[in-house]
Amino acid sequence: MGLNLPPLVKQAESLQAQIELAAARFPRAHRYSLGTELRSDAMAVVRLGHKAWRAKFPEALLDQLSDAIDDLKLRLQLAQRIQAFASFAQFEALAREAASLGRQCGGLRKKRPVSGQNARGEPPAQRSRSLSSRAASSEANS
């Protein structure tokens, strides 16, 4: 496939593959419930990453992607709390990867050009105190 995927999408796919392998090693009690949910959360992140990339990263899709990444991180933390992972190191590697993915998404959100009357983060330009000189005013009024 001759696609030049952005790093965010490549990392999302890599994280999904790692989660698939980790969930396959979950104890039976968690493999089919939490493991399935974790896999579907990871797939949602990959889908939204591809969708956002194809649409040239619009703000609305980046917001959805950010929410999906946050959901995935929460599910990873739950899996760690109930000790579903084979080791803490396995959880830590996945959590670091998910955090890195979140940072990339945040970076893309900050890079987006903002347009409109009151652009975010930019203070409104001040106008000068005197709008024109007396001479210019008298010429305009005559």
Protein backbone atom coordinates (compact mmCIF):
# COMPACT_ATOMS: atom_id res chain seq x y z
CA MET A 1 0.00 0.00 0.00
CA GLY A 2 1.56 3.29 -1.05
CA LEU A 3 0.05 5.42 1.69
CA ASN A 4 2.16 7.94 3.54
CA LEU A 5 0.38 7.77 6.85
CA PRO A 6 1.03 10.50 9.39
CA PRO A 7 2.81 9.50 12.61
CA LEU A 8 -0.42 9.76 14.61
CA VAL A 9 -2.16 7.13 12.49
CA LYS A 10 0.89 4.84 12.42
CA GLN A 11 1.17 5.01 16.20
CA ALA A 12 -2.57 4.35 16.61
CA GLU A 13 -2.25 1.22 14.47
CA SER A 14 0.81 0.09 16.42
CA LEU A 15 -1.00 0.61 19.72
CA GLN A 16 -3.98 -1.36 18.44
CA ALA A 17 -1.74 -4.30 17.54
CA GLN A 18 -0.08 -4.21 20.96
CA ILE A 19 -3.47 -4.11 22.69
CA GLU A 20 -4.66 -7.08 20.64
CA LEU A 21 -1.67 -9.11 21.82
CA ALA A 22 -2.05 -7.99 25.44
CA ALA A 23 -5.80 -8.70 25.55
CA ALA A 24 -5.25 -12.18 24.14
CA ARG A 25 -3.20 -12.94 27.28
CA PHE A 26 -5.82 -11.63 29.73
CA PRO A 27 -7.21 -14.16 32.20
CA ARG A 28 -10.38 -15.83 30.95
CA ALA A 29 -12.51 -13.78 33.36
CA HIS A 30 -11.44 -10.54 31.62
CA ARG A 31 -10.55 -11.64 28.09
CA TYR A 32 -14.08 -11.65 26.70
CA SER A 33 -15.46 -8.61 28.51
CA LEU A 34 -12.78 -6.06 29.25
CA GLY A 35 -10.50 -7.40 26.52
CA THR A 36 -13.23 -6.98 23.89
CA GLU A 37 -14.01 -3.45 25.07
CA LEU A 38 -10.33 -2.53 25.06
CA ARG A 39 -9.96 -3.86 21.52
CA SER A 40 -13.01 -1.91 20.33
CA ASP A 41 -11.73 1.31 21.96
CA ALA A 42 -8.39 0.87 20.20
CA MET A 43 -10.16 0.23 16.89
CA ALA A 44 -12.25 3.39 17.38
CA VAL A 45 -9.04 5.40 17.79
CA VAL A 46 -7.59 3.92 14.59
CA ARG A 47 -10.81 4.54 12.64
CA LEU A 48 -11.07 8.15 13.80
CA GLY A 49 -7.37 8.68 13.07
CA HIS A 50 -7.81 7.49 9.48
CA LYS A 51 -11.03 9.47 9.08
CA ALA A 52 -9.41 12.66 10.40
CA TRP A 53 -6.36 12.15 8.17
CA ARG A 54 -8.47 11.69 5.03
CA ALA A 55 -10.43 14.85 5.88
CA LYS A 56 -7.17 16.76 6.52
CA PHE A 57 -7.64 16.87 10.30
CA PRO A 58 -10.72 19.07 10.81
CA GLU A 59 -11.26 20.37 14.32
CA ALA A 60 -14.44 18.37 14.95
CA LEU A 61 -12.77 15.04 14.11
CA LEU A 62 -9.70 15.91 16.17
CA ASP A 63 -12.02 16.56 19.12
CA GLN A 64 -13.65 13.15 18.62
CA LEU A 65 -10.24 11.50 18.29
CA SER A 66 -9.05 13.16 21.49
CA ASP A 67 -12.14 11.88 23.32
CA ALA A 68 -11.59 8.36 21.95
CA ILE A 69 -7.96 8.40 23.11
CA ASP A 70 -9.08 9.52 26.58
CA ASP A 71 -11.62 6.67 26.67
CA LEU A 72 -8.90 4.19 25.71
CA LYS A 73 -6.59 5.48 28.45
CA LEU A 74 -9.36 5.11 31.02
CA ARG A 75 -10.02 1.53 29.92
CA LEU A 76 -6.30 0.76 30.15
CA GLN A 77 -6.24 2.09 33.71
CA LEU A 78 -9.24 -0.05 34.63
CA ALA A 79 -7.55 -3.13 33.21
CA GLN A 80 -4.47 -2.38 35.30
CA ARG A 81 -6.54 -1.87 38.47
CA ILE A 82 -8.09 -5.31 38.13
CA GLN A 83 -4.68 -6.79 37.21
CA ALA A 84 -5.71 -8.04 33.78
CA PHE A 85 -2.29 -7.43 32.22
CA ALA A 86 0.45 -10.04 32.35
CA SER A 87 2.76 -7.55 34.07
CA PHE A 88 2.92 -3.93 35.11
CA ALA A 89 5.59 -3.36 32.45
CA GLN A 90 3.10 -4.39 29.76
CA PHE A 91 0.55 -1.90 31.06
CA GLU A 92 3.18 0.80 31.38
CA ALA A 93 4.29 0.40 27.76
CA LEU A 94 0.69 0.62 26.52
CA ALA A 95 -0.07 3.60 28.75
CA ARG A 96 3.01 5.46 27.51
CA GLU A 97 2.04 4.77 23.91
CA ALA A 98 -1.51 6.02 24.54
CA ALA A 99 -0.20 9.16 26.27
CA SER A 100 2.11 9.85 23.35
CA LEU A 101 -0.82 9.44 20.98
CA GLY A 102 -2.80 11.95 23.04
CA ARG A 103 0.07 14.44 22.89
CA GLN A 104 0.25 14.09 19.11
CA CYS A 105 -3.47 14.68 18.80
CA GLY A 106 -3.22 17.72 21.07
CA GLY A 107 -0.38 19.06 18.96
CA LEU A 108 -2.46 18.74 15.82
CA ARG A 109 -5.35 20.51 17.53
CA LYS A 110 -3.09 23.42 18.50
CA LYS A 111 -1.63 23.65 14.98
CA ARG A 112 -5.04 24.11 13.36
CA PRO A 113 -5.40 27.59 11.91
CA VAL A 114 -8.18 29.45 13.65
CA SER A 115 -10.31 31.81 11.65
CA GLY A 116 -13.22 34.00 12.43
CA GLN A 117 -13.96 37.30 14.06
CA ASN A 118 -12.66 36.42 17.50
CA ALA A 119 -9.95 33.86 16.91
CA ARG A 120 -9.01 31.76 19.95
CA GLY A 121 -5.99 32.81 21.89
CA GLU A 122 -5.41 36.04 20.03
CA PRO A 123 -6.20 39.29 21.79
CA PRO A 124 -8.21 41.74 19.72
CA ALA A 125 -6.09 44.38 18.03
CA GLN A 126 -6.33 47.80 19.64
CA ARG A 127 -7.22 50.78 17.58
CA SER A 128 -5.40 54.02 18.00
CA ARG A 129 -6.78 56.58 20.45
CA SER A 130 -7.12 59.33 17.86
CA LEU A 131 -8.92 58.19 14.76
CA SER A 132 -7.67 61.01 12.61
CA SER A 133 -6.04 64.39 12.82
CA ARG A 134 -8.04 67.63 13.04
CA ALA A 135 -7.02 68.54 9.53
CA ALA A 136 -8.27 65.27 8.13
CA SER A 137 -11.56 65.64 10.02
CA SER A 138 -12.19 69.14 8.77
CA GLU A 139 -11.41 68.12 5.18
CA ALA A 140 -13.81 65.19 5.37
CA ASN A 141 -16.60 67.33 6.77
CA SER A 142 -16.31 70.12 4.21
